[in-house]
Amino acid sequence: MAENSKSIHQFKAKLINGSEKNLSDYKDKVLLVVNIASACGFAPQLKELQDLREEYSAQGFEVLGFPSNDFGRQEPLNGKEIDTFCEVNYGVKFPVFDKIMVRGAHAHPLFKFLTQKSTPRWNFHKYLINKDGEVVDYFFPFTTPLSSKVKKKIQKLL
C-alpha cells in the first residue's frame, strides 16, 4: 500500500449505475476528476468536459465526474436522473459516478485524498491526475475545461 499512498489507484467508487469501479482501471491514463452538480451555474462545463475528453481520449485521457450536493444543494437529482441530465443536456459520455460528499467528515475517501492538495470550494473543482494516479494540479471552478491553461497541462502529461 505504501507505493499507492500517493495514487488514486488505491480507491474504488460506485458508478451511477451502481456497479463498483476500481480506479486502478485508469492506470496509464491522464485524468481530470471533477465534482459536478446539475443545478450549478457551472453545469454548462459538462459540455466542455465532454469536448475535452473527445479531443484527448485517443491519447489516453479520461474525465471522471462525481456528482455532489455539498455546495448550495445544487445536485437535487439522484442516480439515473443525474445520468440522463448529463447525457441529454450536455452529451456526456465520460464516466459519471454515484452522488457523494466531497468535503467534511463524511467525504468519500477519494476526495479526502484529493483534498490534501486543494479542498473544493464549490462545484466543478477539477483535479488533474497523471498516469501514475498522482494529483499534479487542480483548477478552480471558474477555470473552464477548454481553457489553454487546462489543455497545456493535459498535453504535457500525455
N, C-alpha and C. Protein backbone atom coordinates (compact mmCIF):
# COMPACT_ATOMS: atom_id res chain seq x y z
N MET A 1 0.83 -1.20 0.00
CA MET A 1 0.00 0.00 0.00
C MET A 1 0.87 1.26 0.00
N ALA A 2 2.07 1.19 0.53
CA ALA A 2 2.92 2.37 0.62
C ALA A 2 3.17 3.01 -0.74
N GLU A 3 3.39 2.17 -1.78
CA GLU A 3 3.63 2.75 -3.09
C GLU A 3 2.38 3.40 -3.67
N ASN A 4 1.22 2.98 -3.22
CA ASN A 4 -0.04 3.53 -3.70
C ASN A 4 -0.53 4.72 -2.87
N SER A 5 0.13 5.02 -1.79
CA SER A 5 -0.39 6.04 -0.88
C SER A 5 -0.49 7.42 -1.52
N LYS A 6 0.22 7.62 -2.64
CA LYS A 6 0.15 8.90 -3.34
C LYS A 6 -0.72 8.80 -4.59
N SER A 7 -1.41 7.69 -4.76
CA SER A 7 -2.13 7.42 -6.00
C SER A 7 -3.63 7.25 -5.78
N ILE A 8 -4.41 7.72 -6.75
CA ILE A 8 -5.86 7.50 -6.66
C ILE A 8 -6.21 6.06 -7.03
N HIS A 9 -5.24 5.32 -7.54
CA HIS A 9 -5.50 3.94 -7.97
C HIS A 9 -5.85 3.01 -6.82
N GLN A 10 -5.64 3.44 -5.59
CA GLN A 10 -5.98 2.63 -4.42
C GLN A 10 -7.48 2.67 -4.09
N PHE A 11 -8.24 3.55 -4.74
CA PHE A 11 -9.64 3.75 -4.39
C PHE A 11 -10.61 3.05 -5.32
N LYS A 12 -11.80 2.85 -4.79
CA LYS A 12 -12.94 2.34 -5.57
C LYS A 12 -14.06 3.37 -5.42
N ALA A 13 -14.94 3.41 -6.40
CA ALA A 13 -16.10 4.30 -6.32
C ALA A 13 -17.23 3.65 -7.11
N LYS A 14 -18.44 3.97 -6.71
CA LYS A 14 -19.62 3.43 -7.39
C LYS A 14 -19.98 4.29 -8.58
N LEU A 15 -20.14 3.65 -9.72
CA LEU A 15 -20.64 4.35 -10.90
C LEU A 15 -22.12 4.66 -10.71
N ILE A 16 -22.65 5.54 -11.53
CA ILE A 16 -24.04 5.96 -11.41
C ILE A 16 -25.01 4.79 -11.56
N ASN A 17 -24.57 3.74 -12.28
CA ASN A 17 -25.43 2.55 -12.45
C ASN A 17 -25.35 1.60 -11.27
N GLY A 18 -24.55 1.95 -10.25
CA GLY A 18 -24.47 1.14 -9.04
C GLY A 18 -23.31 0.15 -9.01
N SER A 19 -22.65 -0.06 -10.13
CA SER A 19 -21.53 -1.00 -10.13
C SER A 19 -20.28 -0.32 -9.57
N GLU A 20 -19.46 -1.14 -8.90
CA GLU A 20 -18.24 -0.62 -8.29
C GLU A 20 -17.13 -0.56 -9.33
N LYS A 21 -16.36 0.52 -9.30
CA LYS A 21 -15.27 0.72 -10.26
C LYS A 21 -13.96 0.89 -9.49
N ASN A 22 -12.97 0.08 -9.82
CA ASN A 22 -11.63 0.26 -9.27
C ASN A 22 -10.95 1.38 -10.05
N LEU A 23 -10.47 2.38 -9.35
CA LEU A 23 -9.82 3.48 -10.06
C LEU A 23 -8.46 3.03 -10.61
N SER A 24 -7.98 1.88 -10.18
CA SER A 24 -6.76 1.31 -10.77
C SER A 24 -7.00 0.94 -12.24
N ASP A 25 -8.26 0.82 -12.64
CA ASP A 25 -8.58 0.58 -14.05
C ASP A 25 -8.12 1.74 -14.94
N TYR A 26 -7.84 2.87 -14.32
CA TYR A 26 -7.41 4.05 -15.08
C TYR A 26 -5.90 4.26 -15.05
N LYS A 27 -5.15 3.21 -14.64
CA LYS A 27 -3.69 3.30 -14.68
C LYS A 27 -3.27 3.62 -16.10
N ASP A 28 -2.22 4.39 -16.23
CA ASP A 28 -1.68 4.80 -17.52
C ASP A 28 -2.58 5.75 -18.30
N LYS A 29 -3.56 6.35 -17.62
CA LYS A 29 -4.38 7.39 -18.24
C LYS A 29 -4.20 8.69 -17.46
N VAL A 30 -4.27 9.79 -18.16
CA VAL A 30 -4.31 11.11 -17.53
C VAL A 30 -5.79 11.38 -17.24
N LEU A 31 -6.08 11.83 -16.03
CA LEU A 31 -7.48 12.02 -15.62
C LEU A 31 -7.74 13.46 -15.19
N LEU A 32 -8.97 13.88 -15.41
CA LEU A 32 -9.47 15.11 -14.82
C LEU A 32 -10.67 14.69 -13.97
N VAL A 33 -10.52 14.76 -12.65
CA VAL A 33 -11.57 14.38 -11.71
C VAL A 33 -12.30 15.65 -11.30
N VAL A 34 -13.62 15.64 -11.46
CA VAL A 34 -14.41 16.87 -11.26
C VAL A 34 -15.64 16.57 -10.40
N ASN A 35 -15.88 17.41 -9.39
CA ASN A 35 -17.14 17.31 -8.66
C ASN A 35 -18.18 18.15 -9.41
N ILE A 36 -19.25 17.48 -9.83
CA ILE A 36 -20.25 18.12 -10.70
C ILE A 36 -21.58 18.28 -9.98
N ALA A 37 -22.43 19.16 -10.52
CA ALA A 37 -23.77 19.37 -9.96
C ALA A 37 -24.67 19.93 -11.06
N SER A 38 -25.82 19.30 -11.23
CA SER A 38 -26.71 19.64 -12.35
C SER A 38 -27.34 21.03 -12.24
N ALA A 39 -27.59 21.52 -11.03
CA ALA A 39 -28.26 22.81 -10.87
C ALA A 39 -27.29 23.96 -10.63
N CYS A 40 -26.02 23.72 -10.86
CA CYS A 40 -24.98 24.74 -10.67
C CYS A 40 -24.86 25.62 -11.91
N GLY A 41 -24.53 26.87 -11.71
CA GLY A 41 -24.30 27.77 -12.84
C GLY A 41 -23.14 27.34 -13.72
N PHE A 42 -22.26 26.50 -13.19
CA PHE A 42 -21.14 25.98 -13.97
C PHE A 42 -21.50 24.71 -14.74
N ALA A 43 -22.74 24.24 -14.63
CA ALA A 43 -23.15 22.98 -15.31
C ALA A 43 -22.84 22.97 -16.81
N PRO A 44 -22.89 24.10 -17.53
CA PRO A 44 -22.50 24.06 -18.94
C PRO A 44 -21.07 23.55 -19.17
N GLN A 45 -20.24 23.55 -18.12
CA GLN A 45 -18.91 22.99 -18.25
C GLN A 45 -18.95 21.49 -18.56
N LEU A 46 -20.08 20.85 -18.29
CA LEU A 46 -20.21 19.42 -18.63
C LEU A 46 -19.97 19.21 -20.13
N LYS A 47 -20.46 20.11 -20.97
CA LYS A 47 -20.26 20.02 -22.41
C LYS A 47 -18.77 20.19 -22.73
N GLU A 48 -18.13 21.17 -22.08
CA GLU A 48 -16.70 21.38 -22.31
C GLU A 48 -15.87 20.20 -21.82
N LEU A 49 -16.27 19.60 -20.71
CA LEU A 49 -15.56 18.41 -20.22
C LEU A 49 -15.66 17.28 -21.23
N GLN A 50 -16.86 17.12 -21.82
CA GLN A 50 -17.05 16.09 -22.85
C GLN A 50 -16.21 16.41 -24.09
N ASP A 51 -16.18 17.68 -24.49
CA ASP A 51 -15.36 18.09 -25.64
C ASP A 51 -13.88 17.82 -25.38
N LEU A 52 -13.44 18.12 -24.18
CA LEU A 52 -12.05 17.88 -23.79
C LEU A 52 -11.73 16.39 -23.87
N ARG A 53 -12.64 15.60 -23.37
CA ARG A 53 -12.46 14.14 -23.41
C ARG A 53 -12.34 13.66 -24.86
N GLU A 54 -13.23 14.16 -25.72
CA GLU A 54 -13.19 13.74 -27.12
C GLU A 54 -11.89 14.15 -27.79
N GLU A 55 -11.37 15.31 -27.42
CA GLU A 55 -10.15 15.81 -28.03
C GLU A 55 -8.93 14.95 -27.66
N TYR A 56 -8.88 14.46 -26.42
CA TYR A 56 -7.67 13.79 -25.94
C TYR A 56 -7.84 12.30 -25.60
N SER A 57 -9.03 11.75 -25.72
CA SER A 57 -9.23 10.35 -25.28
C SER A 57 -8.36 9.36 -26.04
N ALA A 58 -8.13 9.59 -27.32
CA ALA A 58 -7.30 8.66 -28.12
C ALA A 58 -5.85 8.65 -27.63
N GLN A 59 -5.46 9.70 -26.89
CA GLN A 59 -4.10 9.79 -26.37
C GLN A 59 -4.00 9.29 -24.93
N GLY A 60 -5.12 8.77 -24.38
CA GLY A 60 -5.08 8.23 -23.03
C GLY A 60 -5.57 9.18 -21.95
N PHE A 61 -6.59 9.96 -22.27
CA PHE A 61 -7.16 10.93 -21.32
C PHE A 61 -8.60 10.54 -21.00
N GLU A 62 -9.01 10.76 -19.74
CA GLU A 62 -10.40 10.50 -19.34
C GLU A 62 -10.84 11.53 -18.31
N VAL A 63 -12.12 11.85 -18.34
CA VAL A 63 -12.76 12.71 -17.35
C VAL A 63 -13.59 11.81 -16.45
N LEU A 64 -13.54 12.05 -15.15
CA LEU A 64 -14.38 11.33 -14.20
C LEU A 64 -15.23 12.35 -13.46
N GLY A 65 -16.56 12.21 -13.54
CA GLY A 65 -17.48 13.14 -12.90
C GLY A 65 -18.06 12.56 -11.63
N PHE A 66 -17.99 13.33 -10.55
CA PHE A 66 -18.52 12.91 -9.26
C PHE A 66 -19.58 13.91 -8.78
N PRO A 67 -20.86 13.58 -8.98
CA PRO A 67 -21.92 14.48 -8.52
C PRO A 67 -21.88 14.66 -7.00
N SER A 68 -22.13 15.88 -6.58
CA SER A 68 -22.13 16.19 -5.15
C SER A 68 -23.17 17.27 -4.86
N ASN A 69 -23.79 17.14 -3.70
CA ASN A 69 -24.79 18.11 -3.25
C ASN A 69 -24.22 19.00 -2.14
N ASP A 70 -22.89 19.02 -2.03
CA ASP A 70 -22.23 19.70 -0.91
C ASP A 70 -22.28 21.23 -0.98
N PHE A 71 -22.48 21.77 -2.17
CA PHE A 71 -22.39 23.22 -2.33
C PHE A 71 -23.73 23.77 -2.81
N GLY A 72 -24.40 24.51 -1.95
CA GLY A 72 -25.65 25.15 -2.31
C GLY A 72 -26.76 24.19 -2.68
N ARG A 73 -26.63 22.94 -2.26
CA ARG A 73 -27.64 21.90 -2.58
C ARG A 73 -27.98 21.92 -4.07
N GLN A 74 -26.94 22.00 -4.89
CA GLN A 74 -27.13 22.16 -6.33
C GLN A 74 -27.16 20.83 -7.10
N GLU A 75 -27.20 19.72 -6.35
CA GLU A 75 -27.41 18.43 -7.02
C GLU A 75 -28.61 17.74 -6.39
N PRO A 76 -29.83 18.16 -6.81
CA PRO A 76 -31.05 17.59 -6.26
C PRO A 76 -31.38 16.22 -6.85
N LEU A 77 -30.75 15.88 -7.97
CA LEU A 77 -31.06 14.62 -8.66
C LEU A 77 -30.31 13.46 -8.03
N ASN A 78 -30.74 12.25 -8.39
CA ASN A 78 -30.09 11.03 -7.91
C ASN A 78 -29.99 10.03 -9.04
N GLY A 79 -28.98 9.16 -8.94
CA GLY A 79 -28.84 8.02 -9.83
C GLY A 79 -29.07 8.31 -11.30
N LYS A 80 -30.00 7.56 -11.88
CA LYS A 80 -30.29 7.63 -13.31
C LYS A 80 -30.69 9.04 -13.74
N GLU A 81 -31.34 9.80 -12.84
CA GLU A 81 -31.73 11.18 -13.17
C GLU A 81 -30.50 12.02 -13.51
N ILE A 82 -29.42 11.85 -12.74
CA ILE A 82 -28.19 12.60 -12.98
C ILE A 82 -27.61 12.19 -14.34
N ASP A 83 -27.55 10.89 -14.56
CA ASP A 83 -27.01 10.35 -15.81
C ASP A 83 -27.78 10.89 -17.01
N THR A 84 -29.11 10.85 -16.93
CA THR A 84 -29.96 11.34 -18.01
C THR A 84 -29.75 12.83 -18.23
N PHE A 85 -29.71 13.60 -17.14
CA PHE A 85 -29.49 15.05 -17.24
C PHE A 85 -28.19 15.34 -17.98
N CYS A 86 -27.11 14.69 -17.58
CA CYS A 86 -25.80 14.93 -18.18
C CYS A 86 -25.78 14.55 -19.65
N GLU A 87 -26.37 13.42 -19.98
CA GLU A 87 -26.34 12.94 -21.36
C GLU A 87 -27.25 13.76 -22.27
N VAL A 88 -28.48 13.99 -21.83
CA VAL A 88 -29.46 14.69 -22.66
C VAL A 88 -29.08 16.16 -22.87
N ASN A 89 -28.67 16.83 -21.81
CA ASN A 89 -28.40 18.26 -21.90
C ASN A 89 -27.00 18.62 -22.40
N TYR A 90 -26.02 17.73 -22.15
CA TYR A 90 -24.64 18.09 -22.48
C TYR A 90 -23.88 17.00 -23.25
N GLY A 91 -24.54 15.92 -23.61
CA GLY A 91 -23.91 14.87 -24.41
C GLY A 91 -22.80 14.13 -23.69
N VAL A 92 -22.87 14.08 -22.37
CA VAL A 92 -21.81 13.45 -21.57
C VAL A 92 -21.74 11.95 -21.82
N LYS A 93 -20.54 11.50 -22.16
CA LYS A 93 -20.26 10.08 -22.33
C LYS A 93 -19.17 9.61 -21.37
N PHE A 94 -18.51 10.56 -20.67
CA PHE A 94 -17.48 10.16 -19.72
C PHE A 94 -18.12 9.53 -18.49
N PRO A 95 -17.35 8.74 -17.73
CA PRO A 95 -17.92 8.07 -16.55
C PRO A 95 -18.43 9.07 -15.51
N VAL A 96 -19.67 8.87 -15.11
CA VAL A 96 -20.27 9.64 -14.02
C VAL A 96 -20.51 8.66 -12.88
N PHE A 97 -20.08 9.05 -11.71
CA PHE A 97 -20.17 8.18 -10.54
C PHE A 97 -21.40 8.53 -9.71
N ASP A 98 -21.67 7.71 -8.71
CA ASP A 98 -22.79 7.92 -7.81
C ASP A 98 -22.55 9.20 -7.00
N LYS A 99 -23.63 9.84 -6.61
CA LYS A 99 -23.53 11.08 -5.83
C LYS A 99 -22.80 10.80 -4.51
N ILE A 100 -21.84 11.67 -4.20
CA ILE A 100 -21.02 11.51 -2.99
C ILE A 100 -20.86 12.85 -2.30
N MET A 101 -20.25 12.80 -1.12
CA MET A 101 -19.83 14.03 -0.44
C MET A 101 -18.36 14.24 -0.78
N VAL A 102 -17.98 15.49 -1.02
CA VAL A 102 -16.61 15.78 -1.42
C VAL A 102 -15.84 16.60 -0.37
N ARG A 103 -16.49 16.95 0.72
CA ARG A 103 -15.78 17.68 1.78
C ARG A 103 -16.38 17.31 3.13
N GLY A 104 -15.63 17.59 4.17
CA GLY A 104 -16.10 17.33 5.52
C GLY A 104 -15.81 15.91 5.98
N ALA A 105 -16.29 15.61 7.16
CA ALA A 105 -16.01 14.32 7.80
C ALA A 105 -16.55 13.13 7.02
N HIS A 106 -17.63 13.34 6.27
CA HIS A 106 -18.26 12.23 5.54
C HIS A 106 -17.87 12.20 4.06
N ALA A 107 -16.82 12.93 3.72
CA ALA A 107 -16.37 12.94 2.32
C ALA A 107 -15.94 11.54 1.89
N HIS A 108 -16.16 11.25 0.62
CA HIS A 108 -15.71 9.98 0.04
C HIS A 108 -14.18 9.89 0.22
N PRO A 109 -13.65 8.69 0.50
CA PRO A 109 -12.19 8.54 0.69
C PRO A 109 -11.36 9.12 -0.47
N LEU A 110 -11.86 8.99 -1.70
CA LEU A 110 -11.13 9.57 -2.83
C LEU A 110 -10.96 11.07 -2.66
N PHE A 111 -12.04 11.75 -2.25
CA PHE A 111 -11.96 13.20 -2.11
C PHE A 111 -11.19 13.61 -0.86
N LYS A 112 -11.18 12.77 0.16
CA LYS A 112 -10.32 13.05 1.31
C LYS A 112 -8.86 13.05 0.84
N PHE A 113 -8.55 12.12 -0.04
CA PHE A 113 -7.21 12.04 -0.62
C PHE A 113 -6.92 13.26 -1.50
N LEU A 114 -7.84 13.57 -2.42
CA LEU A 114 -7.64 14.69 -3.35
C LEU A 114 -7.50 16.02 -2.63
N THR A 115 -8.25 16.19 -1.55
CA THR A 115 -8.28 17.48 -0.86
C THR A 115 -7.01 17.75 -0.06
N GLN A 116 -6.09 16.80 -0.04
CA GLN A 116 -4.79 17.10 0.56
C GLN A 116 -4.09 18.19 -0.25
N LYS A 117 -4.39 18.26 -1.54
CA LYS A 117 -3.83 19.29 -2.42
C LYS A 117 -4.64 20.58 -2.38
N SER A 118 -5.96 20.44 -2.48
CA SER A 118 -6.83 21.61 -2.51
C SER A 118 -8.26 21.18 -2.21
N THR A 119 -8.88 21.81 -1.24
CA THR A 119 -10.26 21.50 -0.90
C THR A 119 -11.19 22.22 -1.87
N PRO A 120 -12.14 21.49 -2.45
CA PRO A 120 -13.07 22.19 -3.35
C PRO A 120 -13.88 23.23 -2.58
N ARG A 121 -13.97 24.41 -3.16
CA ARG A 121 -14.74 25.48 -2.54
C ARG A 121 -16.13 25.60 -3.17
N TRP A 122 -16.29 24.90 -4.30
CA TRP A 122 -17.58 24.93 -5.00
C TRP A 122 -17.61 23.77 -5.98
N ASN A 123 -18.72 23.63 -6.68
CA ASN A 123 -18.87 22.60 -7.71
C ASN A 123 -17.90 22.89 -8.87
N PHE A 124 -17.54 21.85 -9.57
CA PHE A 124 -16.67 21.92 -10.75
C PHE A 124 -15.23 22.30 -10.42
N HIS A 125 -14.79 21.87 -9.23
CA HIS A 125 -13.37 21.94 -8.89
C HIS A 125 -12.73 20.75 -9.61
N LYS A 126 -11.60 20.98 -10.27
CA LYS A 126 -11.01 19.96 -11.14
C LYS A 126 -9.63 19.56 -10.64
N TYR A 127 -9.40 18.24 -10.56
CA TYR A 127 -8.10 17.71 -10.16
C TYR A 127 -7.48 17.01 -11.36
N LEU A 128 -6.25 17.39 -11.70
CA LEU A 128 -5.53 16.76 -12.80
C LEU A 128 -4.63 15.66 -12.22
N ILE A 129 -4.79 14.47 -12.77
CA ILE A 129 -4.11 13.27 -12.27
C ILE A 129 -3.21 12.73 -13.38
N ASN A 130 -1.95 12.42 -13.04
CA ASN A 130 -1.05 11.88 -14.05
C ASN A 130 -1.26 10.37 -14.23
N LYS A 131 -0.50 9.77 -15.13
CA LYS A 131 -0.69 8.36 -15.47
C LYS A 131 -0.39 7.42 -14.31
N ASP A 132 0.34 7.92 -13.31
CA ASP A 132 0.64 7.11 -12.12
C ASP A 132 -0.42 7.29 -11.03
N GLY A 133 -1.45 8.09 -11.32
CA GLY A 133 -2.52 8.29 -10.35
C GLY A 133 -2.25 9.37 -9.32
N GLU A 134 -1.23 10.18 -9.57
CA GLU A 134 -0.86 11.24 -8.63
C GLU A 134 -1.52 12.56 -9.02
N VAL A 135 -1.95 13.31 -8.01
CA VAL A 135 -2.51 14.64 -8.25
C VAL A 135 -1.36 15.57 -8.59
N VAL A 136 -1.41 16.15 -9.78
CA VAL A 136 -0.32 17.04 -10.20
C VAL A 136 -0.76 18.50 -10.27
N ASP A 137 -2.06 18.75 -10.32
CA ASP A 137 -2.55 20.12 -10.36
C ASP A 137 -4.05 20.13 -10.07
N TYR A 138 -4.58 21.31 -9.89
CA TYR A 138 -6.03 21.46 -9.71
C TYR A 138 -6.43 22.81 -10.29
N PHE A 139 -7.70 22.90 -10.59
CA PHE A 139 -8.24 24.12 -11.20
C PHE A 139 -9.53 24.48 -10.48
N PHE A 140 -9.69 25.75 -10.19
CA PHE A 140 -10.91 26.23 -9.54
C PHE A 140 -12.07 26.21 -10.52
N PRO A 141 -13.30 26.26 -10.02
CA PRO A 141 -14.48 26.15 -10.88
C PRO A 141 -14.54 27.15 -12.02
N PHE A 142 -14.03 28.35 -11.81
CA PHE A 142 -14.13 29.37 -12.87
C PHE A 142 -13.13 29.12 -14.00
N THR A 143 -12.20 28.20 -13.83
CA THR A 143 -11.28 27.82 -14.92
C THR A 143 -12.00 26.81 -15.80
N THR A 144 -12.30 27.21 -17.02
CA THR A 144 -13.10 26.34 -17.89
C THR A 144 -12.25 25.19 -18.42
N PRO A 145 -12.88 24.03 -18.64
CA PRO A 145 -12.14 22.86 -19.11
C PRO A 145 -11.39 23.07 -20.42
N LEU A 146 -11.89 23.92 -21.30
CA LEU A 146 -11.25 24.13 -22.59
C LEU A 146 -10.26 25.30 -22.58
N SER A 147 -9.97 25.83 -21.40
CA SER A 147 -9.01 26.94 -21.32
C SER A 147 -7.62 26.45 -21.71
N SER A 148 -6.81 27.36 -22.22
CA SER A 148 -5.46 26.97 -22.63
C SER A 148 -4.65 26.47 -21.43
N LYS A 149 -4.93 27.00 -20.27
CA LYS A 149 -4.23 26.58 -19.04
C LYS A 149 -4.44 25.09 -18.80
N VAL A 150 -5.68 24.64 -18.86
CA VAL A 150 -6.00 23.23 -18.63
C VAL A 150 -5.43 22.36 -19.75
N LYS A 151 -5.66 22.78 -20.98
CA LYS A 151 -5.21 21.97 -22.12
C LYS A 151 -3.69 21.81 -22.15
N LYS A 152 -2.96 22.85 -21.86
CA LYS A 152 -1.49 22.77 -21.85
C LYS A 152 -0.99 21.78 -20.80
N LYS A 153 -1.62 21.80 -19.63
CA LYS A 153 -1.21 20.88 -18.54
C LYS A 153 -1.52 19.43 -18.94
N ILE A 154 -2.66 19.19 -19.58
CA ILE A 154 -3.02 17.85 -20.03
C ILE A 154 -2.02 17.38 -21.10
N GLN A 155 -1.75 18.24 -22.05
CA GLN A 155 -0.83 17.88 -23.15
C GLN A 155 0.55 17.49 -22.63
N LYS A 156 1.02 18.17 -21.59
CA LYS A 156 2.34 17.85 -21.02
C LYS A 156 2.37 16.45 -20.42
N LEU A 157 1.21 15.99 -19.94
CA LEU A 157 1.15 14.68 -19.27
C LEU A 157 0.89 13.52 -20.22
N LEU A 158 0.37 13.81 -21.38
CA LEU A 158 0.02 12.73 -22.33
C LEU A 158 1.24 12.17 -23.04
